[in-house]
Amino acid sequence: MLGRVNHIAIAVPDLAAATAVYRDTLGAKVSQAQALPEHGVTVVFVELPNTKVELLEPLGEGSPIGAFLAKNASGGMHHICYEVEDIIAARDQLAAGGARVLGDGTPKIGAHGKPVLFLHPKDFQGTLVELEQV
């Protein structure tokens, strides 16, 4: 079911400062910031040869990243995103096996313009899992 790792997401309290660390200190190629109001975040992608790192900053009231940063003020790993060929088939297979899909189970369009779903961290060793259809 799972394909390659699409990205690892890190929640940050200051997106501009985090972007500067990756770009200026580590010499990485980074994307422009992209606001995703439907997800409550602003994102930047750090482009690596084999995957991406997504830097997430809260956007608006009630952002899930705001809640995460309230518990982890310095930021930290938020989720890992795996690619799947068919997100509906993956959702249905996971749900049939007892995994909890967050929200109403309907995929939303993510930062790459593709359907995404999130899976409950309690079902995956404490790690929030995102699935992205490729």
C-alpha atoms as a PDB file:
ATOM      1  CA  MET A   1       0.000   0.000   0.000  1.00  0.00           C
ATOM      2  CA  LEU A   2       2.674   2.529   1.002  1.00  0.00           C
ATOM      3  CA  GLY A   3       4.929   4.133  -1.537  1.00  0.00           C
ATOM      4  CA  ARG A   4       7.893   6.358  -0.814  1.00  0.00           C
ATOM      5  CA  VAL A   5       8.121   8.942   1.945  1.00  0.00           C
ATOM      6  CA  ASN A   6       6.800  12.150   0.409  1.00  0.00           C
ATOM      7  CA  HIS A   7       7.830  14.442   3.258  1.00  0.00           C
ATOM      8  CA  ILE A   8       8.491  14.784   6.958  1.00  0.00           C
ATOM      9  CA  ALA A   9       6.714  17.743   8.547  1.00  0.00           C
ATOM     10  CA  ILE A  10       8.206  19.896  11.280  1.00  0.00           C
ATOM     11  CA  ALA A  11       6.052  22.399  13.171  1.00  0.00           C
ATOM     12  CA  VAL A  12       7.882  25.678  13.780  1.00  0.00           C
ATOM     13  CA  PRO A  13       6.978  28.792  15.760  1.00  0.00           C
ATOM     14  CA  ASP A  14       8.675  31.128  13.233  1.00  0.00           C
ATOM     15  CA  LEU A  15       8.573  30.033   9.593  1.00  0.00           C
ATOM     16  CA  ALA A  16      10.925  32.759   8.336  1.00  0.00           C
ATOM     17  CA  ALA A  17      13.584  31.856  10.918  1.00  0.00           C
ATOM     18  CA  ALA A  18      13.249  28.116  10.234  1.00  0.00           C
ATOM     19  CA  THR A  19      13.449  28.721   6.484  1.00  0.00           C
ATOM     20  CA  ALA A  20      16.621  30.761   6.972  1.00  0.00           C
ATOM     21  CA  VAL A  21      18.243  27.928   8.953  1.00  0.00           C
ATOM     22  CA  TYR A  22      17.575  25.394   6.206  1.00  0.00           C
ATOM     23  CA  ARG A  23      18.479  27.783   3.370  1.00  0.00           C
ATOM     24  CA  ASP A  24      21.393  29.736   4.855  1.00  0.00           C
ATOM     25  CA  THR A  25      22.919  27.394   7.436  1.00  0.00           C
ATOM     26  CA  LEU A  26      22.309  24.029   5.757  1.00  0.00           C
ATOM     27  CA  GLY A  27      22.443  25.280   2.155  1.00  0.00           C
ATOM     28  CA  ALA A  28      19.131  23.689   1.151  1.00  0.00           C
ATOM     29  CA  LYS A  29      16.813  24.739  -1.635  1.00  0.00           C
ATOM     30  CA  VAL A  30      13.525  25.954  -0.134  1.00  0.00           C
ATOM     31  CA  SER A  31      10.215  26.854  -1.717  1.00  0.00           C
ATOM     32  CA  GLN A  32       8.282  30.054  -1.290  1.00  0.00           C
ATOM     33  CA  ALA A  33       5.879  30.128   1.656  1.00  0.00           C
ATOM     34  CA  GLN A  34       2.394  28.888   0.767  1.00  0.00           C
ATOM     35  CA  ALA A  35      -0.674  29.679   2.889  1.00  0.00           C
ATOM     36  CA  LEU A  36      -3.166  26.810   3.187  1.00  0.00           C
ATOM     37  CA  PRO A  37      -6.126  28.297   5.080  1.00  0.00           C
ATOM     38  CA  GLU A  38      -8.208  25.097   4.738  1.00  0.00           C
ATOM     39  CA  HIS A  39      -5.496  23.287   6.724  1.00  0.00           C
ATOM     40  CA  GLY A  40      -4.708  26.177   9.089  1.00  0.00           C
ATOM     41  CA  VAL A  41      -1.038  26.350   8.120  1.00  0.00           C
ATOM     42  CA  THR A  42       1.559  28.186   6.101  1.00  0.00           C
ATOM     43  CA  VAL A  43       4.168  25.833   4.638  1.00  0.00           C
ATOM     44  CA  VAL A  44       7.623  25.891   3.099  1.00  0.00           C
ATOM     45  CA  PHE A  45       9.165  22.811   1.492  1.00  0.00           C
ATOM     46  CA  VAL A  46      12.852  22.024   1.827  1.00  0.00           C
ATOM     47  CA  GLU A  47      13.799  20.137  -1.333  1.00  0.00           C
ATOM     48  CA  LEU A  48      16.133  17.172  -0.834  1.00  0.00           C
ATOM     49  CA  PRO A  49      17.382  14.637  -3.396  1.00  0.00           C
ATOM     50  CA  ASN A  50      15.252  11.813  -1.977  1.00  0.00           C
ATOM     51  CA  THR A  51      12.306  13.561  -0.248  1.00  0.00           C
ATOM     52  CA  LYS A  52      11.155  16.872   1.243  1.00  0.00           C
ATOM     53  CA  VAL A  53      10.955  18.435   4.682  1.00  0.00           C
ATOM     54  CA  GLU A  54       7.806  20.485   5.223  1.00  0.00           C
ATOM     55  CA  LEU A  55       8.075  23.380   7.664  1.00  0.00           C
ATOM     56  CA  LEU A  56       4.666  24.265   9.146  1.00  0.00           C
ATOM     57  CA  GLU A  57       3.617  27.477  10.867  1.00  0.00           C
ATOM     58  CA  PRO A  58       0.122  28.089  12.318  1.00  0.00           C
ATOM     59  CA  LEU A  59      -2.272  30.132  10.196  1.00  0.00           C
ATOM     60  CA  GLY A  60      -5.358  31.553  11.867  1.00  0.00           C
ATOM     61  CA  GLU A  61      -7.237  30.703  15.026  1.00  0.00           C
ATOM     62  CA  GLY A  62      -7.727  27.025  15.760  1.00  0.00           C
ATOM     63  CA  SER A  63      -4.752  25.876  13.704  1.00  0.00           C
ATOM     64  CA  PRO A  64      -3.772  22.301  14.600  1.00  0.00           C
ATOM     65  CA  ILE A  65      -0.168  23.503  14.495  1.00  0.00           C
ATOM     66  CA  GLY A  66      -0.970  26.172  17.082  1.00  0.00           C
ATOM     67  CA  ALA A  67      -2.193  23.455  19.438  1.00  0.00           C
ATOM     68  CA  PHE A  68       0.945  21.402  18.746  1.00  0.00           C
ATOM     69  CA  LEU A  69       3.216  24.390  19.453  1.00  0.00           C
ATOM     70  CA  ALA A  70       1.338  25.127  22.682  1.00  0.00           C
ATOM     71  CA  LYS A  71       2.669  21.775  23.928  1.00  0.00           C
ATOM     72  CA  ASN A  72       6.044  22.001  22.112  1.00  0.00           C
ATOM     73  CA  ALA A  73       7.035  25.683  22.111  1.00  0.00           C
ATOM     74  CA  SER A  74      10.281  25.135  20.197  1.00  0.00           C
ATOM     75  CA  GLY A  75       8.531  23.071  17.529  1.00  0.00           C
ATOM     76  CA  GLY A  76       9.278  19.531  16.453  1.00  0.00           C
ATOM     77  CA  MET A  77       8.325  16.679  14.178  1.00  0.00           C
ATOM     78  CA  HIS A  78       4.609  16.861  13.443  1.00  0.00           C
ATOM     79  CA  HIS A  79       3.905  14.082  10.927  1.00  0.00           C
ATOM     80  CA  ILE A  80       5.274  11.841   8.209  1.00  0.00           C
ATOM     81  CA  CYS A  81       3.625  11.672   4.786  1.00  0.00           C
ATOM     82  CA  TYR A  82       3.607   8.501   2.706  1.00  0.00           C
ATOM     83  CA  GLU A  83       2.558   8.254  -0.915  1.00  0.00           C
ATOM     84  CA  VAL A  84      -0.256   5.896  -1.963  1.00  0.00           C
ATOM     85  CA  GLU A  85      -1.554   5.132  -5.432  1.00  0.00           C
ATOM     86  CA  ASP A  86      -5.254   5.160  -4.511  1.00  0.00           C
ATOM     87  CA  ILE A  87      -6.162   7.151  -1.412  1.00  0.00           C
ATOM     88  CA  ILE A  88      -9.757   5.868  -1.243  1.00  0.00           C
ATOM     89  CA  ALA A  89      -8.659   2.223  -1.451  1.00  0.00           C
ATOM     90  CA  ALA A  90      -5.978   2.891   1.187  1.00  0.00           C
ATOM     91  CA  ARG A  91      -8.511   4.635   3.447  1.00  0.00           C
ATOM     92  CA  ASP A  92     -11.003   1.805   3.131  1.00  0.00           C
ATOM     93  CA  GLN A  93      -8.380  -0.899   3.753  1.00  0.00           C
ATOM     94  CA  LEU A  94      -7.016   0.923   6.810  1.00  0.00           C
ATOM     95  CA  ALA A  95     -10.480   1.596   8.244  1.00  0.00           C
ATOM     96  CA  ALA A  96     -11.444  -2.058   7.743  1.00  0.00           C
ATOM     97  CA  GLY A  97      -8.358  -2.962   9.774  1.00  0.00           C
ATOM     98  CA  GLY A  98      -9.370  -0.634  12.608  1.00  0.00           C
ATOM     99  CA  ALA A  99      -7.237   2.429  11.853  1.00  0.00           C
ATOM    100  CA  ARG A 100      -8.878   5.779  12.534  1.00  0.00           C
ATOM    101  CA  VAL A 101      -8.977   8.349   9.745  1.00  0.00           C
ATOM    102  CA  LEU A 102      -9.118  11.893  11.094  1.00  0.00           C
ATOM    103  CA  GLY A 103     -11.912  14.256  10.100  1.00  0.00           C
ATOM    104  CA  ASP A 104     -14.858  12.875   8.177  1.00  0.00           C
ATOM    105  CA  GLY A 105     -12.711  10.545   6.059  1.00  0.00           C
ATOM    106  CA  THR A 106     -13.044  12.648   2.927  1.00  0.00           C
ATOM    107  CA  PRO A 107      -9.683  13.514   1.368  1.00  0.00           C
ATOM    108  CA  LYS A 108      -8.741  17.203   1.215  1.00  0.00           C
ATOM    109  CA  ILE A 109      -6.429  18.793  -1.311  1.00  0.00           C
ATOM    110  CA  GLY A 110      -2.964  19.230   0.200  1.00  0.00           C
ATOM    111  CA  ALA A 111      -0.049  21.559  -0.484  1.00  0.00           C
ATOM    112  CA  HIS A 112       0.973  19.623  -3.611  1.00  0.00           C
ATOM    113  CA  GLY A 113      -2.526  19.887  -5.109  1.00  0.00           C
ATOM    114  CA  LYS A 114      -3.212  16.188  -4.465  1.00  0.00           C
ATOM    115  CA  PRO A 115      -5.712  14.427  -2.166  1.00  0.00           C
ATOM    116  CA  VAL A 116      -4.519  13.810   1.398  1.00  0.00           C
ATOM    117  CA  LEU A 117      -5.820  12.128   4.565  1.00  0.00           C
ATOM    118  CA  PHE A 118      -4.481  11.964   8.107  1.00  0.00           C
ATOM    119  CA  LEU A 119      -4.457   8.882  10.331  1.00  0.00           C
ATOM    120  CA  HIS A 120      -4.732   8.962  14.116  1.00  0.00           C
ATOM    121  CA  PRO A 121      -1.330   8.869  15.844  1.00  0.00           C
ATOM    122  CA  LYS A 122      -2.541   6.425  18.503  1.00  0.00           C
ATOM    123  CA  ASP A 123      -2.907   3.814  15.758  1.00  0.00           C
ATOM    124  CA  PHE A 124       0.658   4.351  14.450  1.00  0.00           C
ATOM    125  CA  GLN A 125       3.011   4.266  17.436  1.00  0.00           C
ATOM    126  CA  GLY A 126       2.321   7.876  18.413  1.00  0.00           C
ATOM    127  CA  THR A 127       3.044   9.308  14.967  1.00  0.00           C
ATOM    128  CA  LEU A 128       0.542  11.331  12.950  1.00  0.00           C
ATOM    129  CA  VAL A 129       0.520   9.818   9.447  1.00  0.00           C
ATOM    130  CA  GLU A 130      -0.498  11.653   6.288  1.00  0.00           C
ATOM    131  CA  LEU A 131      -1.308   9.778   3.096  1.00  0.00           C
ATOM    132  CA  GLU A 132      -0.990  11.576  -0.240  1.00  0.00           C
ATOM    133  CA  GLN A 133      -2.266  10.153  -3.501  1.00  0.00           C
ATOM    134  CA  VAL A 134       0.327  10.236  -6.277  1.00  0.00           C
END
